[in-house]
């Protein structure tokens, strides 16, 4: 099934110019995915009972236009397939009839007791079904620059409220911290494209995480989330 989620852009979601923030958009995509999972039966009770969870491994987002305060947007999301221990989920976002954003994501199915990937059971595959509809966004890993080449950074404190029910940094907070780092270096343009690959969990006991960025060209930046030489996530962002 294709799940639809309608939402009126709230005051807490917008920037100083009253446009939806990019991290708010990702939060809404996350909520749509959760609501879809709950609808098909893969809810928090199921995960707790069977000691399983989905863990995001890669995520790519393209924003064509930013909605304004009180605009009513529609988010569509669907499973594009489940195989072995992997799953693909895509998204489209509309403002009225205009496509304003789309995204694709790659998830691992996790045994939460062993903290290891495990095969998606047939029962779960049947819950979601799949739609062979692609957003045509690339989600393949590319070779990032070496850490020593990153010359702009900002130390980000990990707040208790940043940690989700899986015990690690919520996926939305990565974009929040990245954008804060960009703005902290005077890079004020809005995000057009965002790709992130998660390498290692960021937990509350790390206390802080360093966000390092490197300019590739006028509107393109590579980034790392790192603690000294340890890389926790990496990716690339393109700006308008």
Protein backbone atom coordinates (compact mmCIF):
# COMPACT_ATOMS: atom_id res chain seq x y z
CA UNK A 1 0.00 0.00 0.00
CA UNK A 2 0.96 3.64 -0.50
CA UNK A 3 0.37 5.51 2.74
CA UNK A 4 -0.72 9.17 2.69
CA UNK A 5 -0.18 11.59 5.56
CA UNK A 6 -1.59 15.13 5.44
CA UNK A 7 -0.08 17.86 7.59
CA UNK A 8 -0.53 21.61 8.06
CA UNK A 9 2.86 23.29 8.53
CA UNK A 10 3.01 24.38 12.18
CA UNK A 11 4.75 27.36 13.74
CA UNK A 12 7.27 25.10 15.49
CA UNK A 13 8.30 23.64 12.10
CA UNK A 14 9.40 26.87 10.39
CA UNK A 15 12.48 29.09 10.21
CA UNK A 16 12.65 32.85 10.83
CA UNK A 17 11.20 33.46 7.35
CA UNK A 18 8.26 31.10 8.07
CA UNK A 19 9.32 28.41 5.61
CA UNK A 20 9.41 24.75 6.66
CA UNK A 21 12.88 23.84 7.94
CA UNK A 22 14.68 20.92 6.31
CA UNK A 23 14.99 19.02 9.60
CA UNK A 24 11.25 19.49 10.19
CA UNK A 25 10.61 17.95 6.78
CA UNK A 26 12.75 14.91 7.62
CA UNK A 27 10.90 14.60 10.94
CA UNK A 28 7.60 14.49 9.04
CA UNK A 29 8.94 11.82 6.68
CA UNK A 30 9.99 9.81 9.71
CA UNK A 31 6.52 10.21 11.23
CA UNK A 32 4.85 9.09 7.98
CA UNK A 33 7.04 5.96 7.93
CA UNK A 34 6.12 5.18 11.55
CA UNK A 35 2.40 5.70 10.94
CA UNK A 36 2.57 3.44 7.89
CA UNK A 37 4.31 0.74 9.93
CA UNK A 38 1.74 1.01 12.71
CA UNK A 39 -1.09 0.73 10.20
CA UNK A 40 0.23 -2.54 8.75
CA UNK A 41 0.84 -4.02 12.22
CA UNK A 42 4.56 -3.38 12.74
CA UNK A 43 4.10 -1.11 15.75
CA UNK A 44 6.04 -0.57 18.99
CA UNK A 45 4.28 -3.50 20.68
CA UNK A 46 5.26 -5.85 17.83
CA UNK A 47 8.88 -4.68 17.97
CA UNK A 48 9.04 -5.09 21.75
CA UNK A 49 7.43 -8.54 21.65
CA UNK A 50 9.70 -9.86 18.89
CA UNK A 51 12.87 -7.90 19.82
CA UNK A 52 13.24 -6.40 16.36
CA UNK A 53 13.48 -2.92 14.85
CA UNK A 54 14.27 -1.05 11.66
CA UNK A 55 17.55 0.87 11.60
CA UNK A 56 18.19 3.50 8.95
CA UNK A 57 21.43 2.90 7.05
CA UNK A 58 21.26 5.45 4.21
CA UNK A 59 18.97 8.33 3.36
CA UNK A 60 18.76 10.71 0.39
CA UNK A 61 16.47 13.73 0.05
CA UNK A 62 15.82 16.17 -2.81
CA UNK A 63 13.88 19.36 -2.03
CA UNK A 64 12.41 21.24 -4.99
CA UNK A 65 10.52 23.89 -3.05
CA UNK A 66 9.90 24.77 0.61
CA UNK A 67 6.31 25.08 1.88
CA UNK A 68 5.21 28.04 3.98
CA UNK A 69 3.57 28.30 7.40
CA UNK A 70 0.03 26.79 7.34
CA UNK A 71 0.48 25.22 3.91
CA UNK A 72 -1.14 21.79 3.92
CA UNK A 73 1.25 19.21 2.53
CA UNK A 74 0.70 15.56 1.64
CA UNK A 75 3.40 12.96 2.25
CA UNK A 76 3.21 9.66 0.38
CA UNK A 77 5.39 6.73 1.41
CA UNK A 78 5.66 3.09 0.42
CA UNK A 79 7.83 0.01 0.69
CA UNK A 80 9.86 -0.51 -2.49
CA UNK A 81 10.90 -3.99 -1.46
CA UNK A 82 12.29 -6.15 1.34
CA UNK A 83 15.06 -8.65 0.76
CA UNK A 84 17.14 -10.67 3.20
CA UNK A 85 17.91 -8.17 6.02
CA UNK A 86 17.30 -5.02 3.90
CA UNK A 87 14.34 -2.81 3.06
CA UNK A 88 13.81 0.17 0.78
CA UNK A 89 11.30 2.96 1.49
CA UNK A 90 10.51 5.92 -0.76
CA UNK A 91 8.69 9.21 -0.19
CA UNK A 92 7.02 11.99 -2.16
CA UNK A 93 5.86 15.32 -0.70
CA UNK A 94 3.22 17.50 -2.34
CA UNK A 95 2.01 21.04 -1.70
CA UNK A 96 -1.45 20.91 -3.27
CA UNK A 97 -0.69 19.16 -6.60
CA UNK A 98 2.95 20.27 -6.80
CA UNK A 99 5.74 17.79 -6.02
CA UNK A 100 8.03 19.69 -3.64
CA UNK A 101 10.32 16.92 -2.35
CA UNK A 102 11.14 13.25 -2.69
CA UNK A 103 13.37 10.88 -0.80
CA UNK A 104 14.62 7.33 -0.69
CA UNK A 105 15.94 5.29 2.22
CA UNK A 106 17.70 2.01 2.92
CA UNK A 107 17.04 0.17 6.19
CA UNK A 108 18.46 -2.80 8.09
CA UNK A 109 16.24 -5.22 10.02
CA UNK A 110 17.79 -5.58 13.48
CA UNK A 111 17.62 -8.16 16.25
CA UNK A 112 17.63 -5.75 19.21
CA UNK A 113 18.85 -8.36 21.71
CA UNK A 114 21.95 -9.25 19.72
CA UNK A 115 22.24 -5.81 18.06
CA UNK A 116 22.83 -7.50 14.70
CA UNK A 117 21.10 -7.55 11.35
CA UNK A 118 18.72 -10.43 10.82
CA UNK A 119 16.57 -11.70 7.97
CA UNK A 120 13.19 -10.01 7.49
CA UNK A 121 10.57 -12.67 8.37
CA UNK A 122 7.98 -13.59 5.75
CA UNK A 123 5.28 -12.30 8.12
CA UNK A 124 6.81 -8.81 8.06
CA UNK A 125 7.30 -8.92 4.29
CA UNK A 126 3.59 -9.64 3.87
CA UNK A 127 2.67 -6.77 6.21
CA UNK A 128 4.29 -4.16 4.01
CA UNK A 129 3.98 -5.63 0.54
CA UNK A 130 5.82 -3.49 -1.99
CA UNK A 131 5.34 -1.06 -4.86
CA UNK A 132 7.88 -1.09 -7.67
CA UNK A 133 7.84 2.72 -7.94
CA UNK A 134 11.18 4.48 -7.68
CA UNK A 135 11.98 8.13 -6.98
CA UNK A 136 15.13 7.66 -9.13
CA UNK A 137 17.35 9.13 -6.41
CA UNK A 138 20.77 7.51 -6.08
CA UNK A 139 21.56 6.10 -2.66
CA UNK A 140 24.88 4.41 -3.43
CA UNK A 141 27.86 5.18 -1.22
CA UNK A 142 30.56 7.33 -2.80
CA UNK A 143 34.12 7.66 -1.59
CA UNK A 144 34.30 10.73 0.70
CA UNK A 145 37.41 12.87 1.16
CA UNK A 146 39.83 12.02 3.96
CA UNK A 147 39.01 13.47 7.37
CA UNK A 148 42.16 15.59 7.46
CA UNK A 149 40.89 17.53 4.43
CA UNK A 150 37.90 18.89 6.37
CA UNK A 151 38.67 22.43 7.49
CA UNK A 152 35.37 23.69 9.00
CA UNK A 153 33.79 22.07 12.03
CA UNK A 154 31.66 22.59 15.10
CA UNK A 155 31.41 20.60 18.32
CA UNK A 156 27.78 19.63 18.92
CA UNK A 157 26.55 18.70 22.40
CA UNK A 158 24.37 15.58 22.48
CA UNK A 159 21.25 16.42 24.48
CA UNK A 160 19.12 13.85 26.26
CA UNK A 161 16.17 14.93 24.09
CA UNK A 162 18.20 14.05 20.96
CA UNK A 163 18.12 10.33 21.84
CA UNK A 164 15.25 8.23 20.47
CA UNK A 165 13.55 5.07 21.73
CA UNK A 166 16.30 2.93 20.17
CA UNK A 167 18.83 4.57 22.49
CA UNK A 168 20.76 6.47 19.82
CA UNK A 169 20.76 9.89 18.17
CA UNK A 170 17.50 10.40 16.29
CA UNK A 171 17.96 10.45 12.52
CA UNK A 172 16.47 13.96 12.30
CA UNK A 173 19.09 15.43 14.64
CA UNK A 174 21.92 14.73 12.18
CA UNK A 175 20.44 17.19 9.70
CA UNK A 176 19.69 19.66 12.49
CA UNK A 177 23.33 19.56 13.63
CA UNK A 178 24.65 19.73 10.06
CA UNK A 179 22.59 22.79 9.21
CA UNK A 180 23.61 24.45 12.49
CA UNK A 181 27.27 23.84 11.58
CA UNK A 182 26.79 25.30 8.09
CA UNK A 183 25.03 28.38 9.48
CA UNK A 184 27.73 28.73 12.13
CA UNK A 185 30.25 29.16 9.31
CA UNK A 186 28.11 31.76 7.54
CA UNK A 187 26.70 29.36 4.93
CA UNK A 188 23.08 30.55 4.90
CA UNK A 189 21.65 28.96 1.73
CA UNK A 190 18.83 26.44 1.99
CA UNK A 191 19.42 22.74 1.50
CA UNK A 192 18.46 21.34 -1.90
CA UNK A 193 19.88 17.80 -1.69
CA UNK A 194 21.00 15.79 1.33
CA UNK A 195 22.60 12.35 1.45
CA UNK A 196 23.82 10.60 4.60
CA UNK A 197 25.30 7.18 5.32
CA UNK A 198 25.21 6.02 8.94
CA UNK A 199 28.33 4.13 10.04
CA UNK A 200 28.06 3.78 13.82
CA UNK A 201 25.54 4.61 16.54
CA UNK A 202 25.84 7.93 18.35
CA UNK A 203 24.74 7.45 21.95
CA UNK A 204 24.17 9.84 24.85
CA UNK A 205 27.34 8.77 26.67
CA UNK A 206 29.49 10.24 23.87
CA UNK A 207 28.52 13.67 25.34
CA UNK A 208 29.40 15.50 22.12
CA UNK A 209 30.07 14.88 18.44
CA UNK A 210 32.12 16.87 15.96
CA UNK A 211 30.49 17.88 12.67
CA UNK A 212 33.17 18.54 10.03
CA UNK A 213 32.45 20.05 6.62
CA UNK A 214 34.48 20.61 3.46
CA UNK A 215 33.45 22.68 0.44
CA UNK A 216 33.59 20.72 -2.81
CA UNK A 217 32.32 23.51 -5.07
CA UNK A 218 30.15 26.62 -4.79
CA UNK A 219 27.05 24.90 -3.41
CA UNK A 220 28.28 21.41 -2.53
CA UNK A 221 29.73 20.29 0.82
CA UNK A 222 30.96 16.97 2.17
CA UNK A 223 30.46 16.27 5.87
CA UNK A 224 31.52 13.88 8.62
CA UNK A 225 30.16 13.23 12.09
CA UNK A 226 33.26 12.19 13.99
CA UNK A 227 34.81 11.77 17.43
CA UNK A 228 38.53 12.22 16.91
CA UNK A 229 39.33 9.71 14.11
CA UNK A 230 36.15 7.64 14.51
CA UNK A 231 33.56 8.30 11.77
CA UNK A 232 29.92 7.89 12.85
CA UNK A 233 28.19 9.22 9.71
CA UNK A 234 29.18 10.90 6.45
CA UNK A 235 27.57 12.35 3.39
CA UNK A 236 27.12 15.29 1.05
CA UNK A 237 24.77 18.25 0.89
CA UNK A 238 23.91 20.52 -2.06
CA UNK A 239 22.50 24.00 -1.50
CA UNK A 240 20.24 26.25 -3.58
